[in-house]
Protein backbone atom coordinates (compact mmCIF):
# COMPACT_ATOMS: atom_id res chain seq x y z
CA MET A 1 15.32 -3.81 -14.60
CA PRO A 2 17.46 -2.02 -12.11
CA ASP A 3 18.60 -4.36 -8.89
CA SER A 4 16.55 -2.66 -6.73
CA TYR A 5 13.49 0.34 -6.16
CA PHE A 6 16.01 2.15 -3.61
CA VAL A 7 19.56 3.08 -3.16
CA PRO A 8 20.50 4.79 0.34
CA ILE A 9 22.26 7.90 -0.16
CA ASP A 10 22.62 8.50 3.35
CA ASP A 11 21.02 5.33 5.95
CA ASP A 12 20.03 6.95 9.27
CA PRO A 13 16.94 5.12 11.03
CA PHE A 14 15.22 8.35 11.81
CA GLU A 15 16.05 10.98 8.77
CA ALA A 16 17.55 9.27 5.00
CA ARG A 17 18.40 9.99 2.10
CA TRP A 18 17.37 7.22 -1.32
CA ALA A 19 17.86 7.46 -4.84
CA SER A 20 14.86 5.96 -7.01
CA SER A 21 15.88 3.89 -9.47
CA PRO A 22 13.13 4.09 -13.34
CA ALA A 23 11.67 0.30 -11.93
CA THR A 24 9.31 2.28 -9.35
CA ALA A 25 7.79 4.16 -12.23
CA GLY A 26 3.91 4.26 -12.60
CA PRO A 27 1.35 3.95 -14.97
CA TRP A 28 0.52 7.48 -15.28
CA HIS A 29 3.70 9.42 -16.01
CA PRO A 30 7.20 8.21 -16.43
CA GLY A 31 8.30 10.67 -13.66
CA GLN A 32 6.01 9.47 -11.29
CA GLN A 33 6.58 6.75 -8.66
CA HIS A 34 4.00 3.86 -8.80
CA GLY A 35 2.39 4.04 -4.70
CA GLY A 36 3.51 0.18 -4.01
CA PRO A 37 7.78 0.95 -3.55
CA PRO A 38 7.44 4.04 -1.91
CA ASN A 39 5.07 2.62 0.81
CA ALA A 40 7.07 -0.59 0.58
CA LEU A 41 9.86 1.87 1.59
CA ALA A 42 7.91 3.37 4.44
CA VAL A 43 7.26 0.06 5.97
CA ALA A 44 11.26 -0.45 5.85
CA VAL A 45 11.90 2.98 7.63
CA ALA A 46 9.17 2.20 10.49
CA GLU A 47 10.88 -0.59 11.24
CA ARG A 48 14.35 0.15 11.10
CA ALA A 49 13.08 3.24 13.25
CA LEU A 50 11.07 1.56 15.74
CA ALA A 51 13.98 -0.91 15.69
CA ALA A 52 16.68 1.93 16.74
CA ALA A 53 14.41 3.48 18.87
CA THR A 54 13.49 0.30 21.27
CA GLY A 55 15.98 -2.27 21.09
CA ARG A 56 12.72 -4.77 20.36
CA SER A 57 12.50 -7.54 17.62
CA ASP A 58 9.17 -8.66 19.16
CA LEU A 59 7.11 -6.30 17.05
CA THR A 60 5.36 -6.83 13.75
CA ALA A 61 4.06 -4.95 11.50
CA LEU A 62 0.66 -5.55 10.32
CA ARG A 63 -1.18 -2.03 9.33
CA LEU A 64 -0.41 0.58 7.06
CA ALA A 65 -2.45 3.92 6.66
CA SER A 66 -1.12 5.88 4.04
CA ASP A 67 -2.01 9.15 2.06
CA PHE A 68 -0.89 10.59 -0.63
CA VAL A 69 -0.21 14.40 -0.12
CA GLY A 70 1.71 15.05 -3.69
CA PRO A 71 3.21 12.47 -6.37
CA VAL A 72 6.22 11.10 -5.56
CA PRO A 73 8.94 11.51 -8.39
CA VAL A 74 11.25 9.22 -9.49
CA ALA A 75 13.93 10.98 -7.70
CA GLU A 76 15.48 11.26 -4.75
CA VAL A 77 13.70 11.33 -1.83
CA THR A 78 13.69 11.68 1.82
CA SER A 79 12.64 9.93 4.68
CA ARG A 80 11.88 10.83 8.30
CA ALA A 81 10.55 8.96 10.84
CA ARG A 82 9.27 9.11 14.45
CA VAL A 83 8.06 6.75 16.70
CA VAL A 84 4.66 8.14 18.14
CA ARG A 85 3.96 5.55 20.36
CA ALA A 86 5.48 2.20 22.28
CA ALA A 87 3.89 0.58 24.36
CA ARG A 88 4.55 -2.86 25.71
CA SER A 89 1.88 -4.47 23.24
CA ALA A 90 1.63 -2.19 20.44
CA ALA A 91 3.56 1.03 18.53
CA LEU A 92 2.95 3.51 16.14
CA VAL A 93 5.42 4.69 13.56
CA GLU A 94 4.98 7.44 11.66
CA VAL A 95 6.96 8.12 7.94
CA VAL A 96 6.73 11.43 6.22
CA LEU A 97 8.48 10.76 2.23
CA ALA A 98 9.30 13.70 0.99
CA ALA A 99 10.89 14.96 -2.79
CA ALA A 100 12.56 18.71 -3.25
CA GLY A 101 11.76 19.74 0.19
CA ARG A 102 7.49 18.92 -0.07
CA ASP A 103 6.09 16.30 1.38
CA CYS A 104 4.66 13.38 -1.06
CA LEU A 105 4.03 10.60 1.31
CA ILE A 106 2.33 10.13 4.99
CA VAL A 107 2.42 6.85 6.44
CA ARG A 108 1.91 5.63 9.65
CA VAL A 109 2.28 2.04 10.36
CA TRP A 110 0.78 0.16 13.57
CA PHE A 111 3.07 -2.89 15.01
CA VAL A 112 1.65 -5.46 17.46
CA ARG A 113 3.50 -7.89 19.59
CA ALA A 114 3.74 -11.40 18.99
CA SER A 115 2.78 -13.86 20.82
CA ASP A 116 1.44 -17.82 21.25
CA THR A 117 -2.32 -17.31 20.20
CA ALA A 118 -1.94 -20.95 18.59
CA ALA A 119 -4.60 -22.26 21.53
CA ILE A 120 -7.84 -20.21 19.73
CA ALA A 121 -6.68 -20.16 16.13
CA PRO A 122 -7.69 -22.42 13.54
CA ALA A 123 -6.03 -24.86 11.95
CA GLN A 124 -3.30 -24.14 9.50
CA PRO A 125 -4.62 -25.34 5.83
CA GLU A 126 -2.04 -26.73 3.74
CA GLN A 127 0.26 -25.02 1.84
CA ARG A 128 -1.56 -23.81 -0.99
CA PRO A 129 0.19 -24.01 -4.44
CA VAL A 130 0.64 -21.10 -6.95
CA PRO A 131 -1.04 -22.16 -10.34
CA ASP A 132 1.27 -22.94 -13.29
CA ILE A 133 -0.02 -20.27 -15.41
CA ALA A 134 1.10 -18.04 -17.92
CA GLU A 135 3.46 -15.14 -16.46
CA GLY A 136 2.33 -11.65 -17.07
CA LEU A 137 0.19 -8.43 -16.68
CA ASP A 138 -0.91 -6.68 -19.75
CA ALA A 139 1.00 -4.07 -18.54
CA ARG A 140 4.21 -2.34 -20.04
CA PHE A 141 5.48 0.31 -17.21
CA PRO A 142 8.24 0.03 -15.30
CA TYR A 143 6.77 -1.24 -12.18
CA ALA A 144 4.72 -4.12 -13.72
CA GLN A 145 7.60 -5.32 -14.89
CA SER A 146 9.10 -5.21 -11.67
CA ILE A 147 7.04 -7.92 -10.33
CA GLU A 148 6.56 -11.20 -11.30
CA TRP A 149 2.62 -12.43 -12.17
CA ARG A 150 0.20 -14.87 -12.42
CA LEU A 151 -2.59 -13.88 -13.62
CA VAL A 152 -5.68 -15.39 -12.46
CA HIS A 153 -8.66 -13.68 -14.24
CA GLY A 154 -9.18 -9.86 -15.26
CA GLY A 155 -6.14 -7.43 -16.13
CA MET A 156 -5.23 -4.21 -16.30
CA SER A 157 -7.08 -4.34 -19.86
CA GLN A 158 -9.90 -6.20 -19.39
CA PRO A 159 -12.60 -3.97 -17.86
CA GLY A 160 -13.81 -5.07 -14.21
CA PRO A 161 -12.93 -7.07 -11.50
CA GLY A 162 -9.30 -8.75 -11.21
CA ALA A 163 -7.21 -11.61 -9.71
CA ALA A 164 -3.15 -12.45 -9.50
CA TRP A 165 -0.42 -14.15 -7.66
CA ALA A 166 2.77 -11.36 -7.67
CA ARG A 167 5.64 -11.17 -6.03
CA PRO A 168 8.29 -9.24 -6.37
CA ARG A 169 11.51 -9.80 -8.65
CA THR A 170 13.48 -6.35 -7.42
CA VAL A 171 14.94 -6.23 -4.04
CA LEU A 172 13.58 -2.47 -1.96
CA ALA A 173 16.74 -1.14 -1.26
CA GLU A 174 20.19 -2.34 -0.25
CA GLY A 175 20.71 -4.06 3.31
CA TYR A 176 16.81 -3.49 3.58
CA GLU A 177 14.36 -7.34 3.54
CA TYR A 178 10.80 -7.19 2.64
CA SER A 179 8.91 -8.09 5.74
CA GLY A 180 5.52 -9.34 5.47
CA LEU A 181 3.81 -5.91 5.65
CA ALA A 182 6.25 -4.35 2.65
CA ARG A 183 6.10 -6.92 0.53
CA THR A 184 1.76 -6.90 0.95
CA VAL A 185 1.42 -3.17 0.21
CA LEU A 186 4.15 -3.35 -2.59
CA ILE A 187 1.56 -5.61 -4.14
CA ALA A 188 -1.74 -3.96 -3.02
CA ASP A 189 -1.39 -0.59 -4.02
CA SER A 190 -1.81 -2.43 -7.64
CA ALA A 191 -5.60 -3.25 -6.70
CA SER A 192 -7.03 -0.28 -8.29
CA GLY A 193 -4.94 -0.96 -11.64
CA LEU A 194 -6.23 -4.63 -11.81
CA SER A 195 -9.33 -4.47 -11.11
CA ALA A 196 -9.72 -1.36 -13.71
CA SER A 197 -13.16 -0.65 -14.98
CA LEU A 198 -12.39 2.31 -17.09
CA ASP A 199 -10.65 2.55 -20.49
CA TRP A 200 -6.83 3.92 -19.19
CA THR A 201 -6.80 5.91 -22.48
CA ASP A 202 -10.02 7.86 -21.57
CA TRP A 203 -9.84 8.43 -18.22
CA THR A 204 -7.42 8.45 -14.98
CA PHE A 205 -8.37 6.99 -11.44
CA LEU A 206 -5.49 7.86 -9.13
CA ASN A 207 -5.91 6.63 -5.72
CA VAL A 208 -4.96 9.28 -2.85
CA ASP A 209 -4.38 6.98 0.00
CA LEU A 210 -3.91 3.10 0.49
CA ASP A 211 -5.08 1.42 3.85
CA VAL A 212 -3.59 -2.22 4.72
CA HIS A 213 -4.76 -4.45 7.26
CA LEU A 214 -3.24 -7.96 7.83
CA ALA A 215 -4.97 -10.50 10.48
CA ARG A 216 -1.30 -12.04 11.11
CA PRO A 217 2.27 -12.18 9.27
CA MET A 218 3.02 -13.33 6.24
CA HIS A 219 4.20 -16.67 5.03
CA GLY A 220 6.42 -17.31 1.95
CA ASP A 221 7.06 -15.09 -1.07
CA TRP A 222 3.44 -14.90 -3.16
CA LEU A 223 0.54 -12.41 -2.22
CA LEU A 224 -2.69 -13.26 -3.93
CA LEU A 225 -4.46 -10.07 -4.94
CA ASP A 226 -8.52 -9.98 -5.94
CA ALA A 227 -9.50 -6.58 -6.25
CA THR A 228 -12.73 -4.76 -7.42
CA THR A 229 -13.76 -1.33 -7.72
CA GLN A 230 -16.65 0.36 -7.00
CA MET A 231 -17.40 3.32 -9.37
CA SER A 232 -19.38 6.66 -8.10
CA ASP A 233 -21.57 9.59 -10.28
CA SER A 234 -19.56 11.97 -8.11
CA GLY A 235 -15.81 11.98 -9.38
CA SER A 236 -14.92 8.98 -7.07
CA GLY A 237 -14.36 5.56 -6.56
CA LEU A 238 -13.24 3.05 -4.21
CA ALA A 239 -10.98 -0.08 -4.67
CA ARG A 240 -11.14 -2.87 -2.54
CA SER A 241 -8.92 -6.02 -1.95
CA THR A 242 -8.80 -9.10 -0.47
CA ILE A 243 -5.16 -10.61 0.00
CA SER A 244 -4.41 -14.29 0.88
CA ASP A 245 -0.71 -16.01 0.53
CA GLN A 246 -0.30 -19.82 0.71
CA ARG A 247 -1.85 -20.78 3.73
CA GLY A 248 -5.03 -18.74 3.04
CA LEU A 249 -6.59 -15.16 3.84
CA LEU A 250 -4.25 -12.96 5.01
CA GLY A 251 -5.85 -9.33 4.88
CA SER A 252 -7.26 -6.47 2.80
CA GLY A 253 -6.80 -3.41 1.13
CA LEU A 254 -9.07 -0.28 0.51
CA GLN A 255 -7.90 2.53 -2.25
CA THR A 256 -9.93 5.90 -2.02
CA LEU A 257 -10.30 7.10 -6.46
CA VAL A 258 -10.35 10.28 -7.73
CA VAL A 259 -11.86 9.89 -11.32
CA ALA A 260 -11.22 12.13 -14.13
CA PRO A 261 -11.65 12.06 -18.25
CA ILE A 262 -8.34 12.73 -19.52
CA ARG A 263 -7.55 16.20 -21.25
CA ARG A 264 -6.83 15.84 -25.02
């Protein structure tokens, strides 16, 4: 397994190039990335761009709205970042990932100013232990193997809802640490696979977007992804996920799915 998902080629805060490692590859095609790594990269790029533009360190990324306007290849990608708004209490950054001159992923990240609201917050529960259960996910594509999984129920080969604790065993890129939101979106894009309700050999159900909302900063390394998929009779579906860390409920995720039979 490669040491990182991406290798910086040139690392400007606003325009950069990245070499994608084989660990980014997803389940549908060996030359196409899983949605988790490029979204995590976009969060990291947004964080660095905002810091460079404002010099502030009191803003935490808590929300991602991502649209796949094309497949992200396992190849060289470029990132472009711009600060859309930087106000006293919140900021918005847009990041576009492109490959071979074509946009692949358009991401908007909201940041919220950190402040002390402990007086109105519920008491923090005791830290939840990650269960000592069999490691692994019933999947063999590179991205899945780059994550340490603790499957609670369900699975990619078992139709229906699924839940698993997960944390990356691969770093994002040299010089980049996972923030809470970057770590979350890396895992959250797996909701549609973890809760797949169709046979992978007969159907595709690619997500065209990813929306993640966090109520607070993430604590620790582990995330619990509890996912379910709702299918329709019109070629679409919706994957929903509840996301927790070891302190309890953290946020939620949504993915819009395009459903189609695999052509033989």
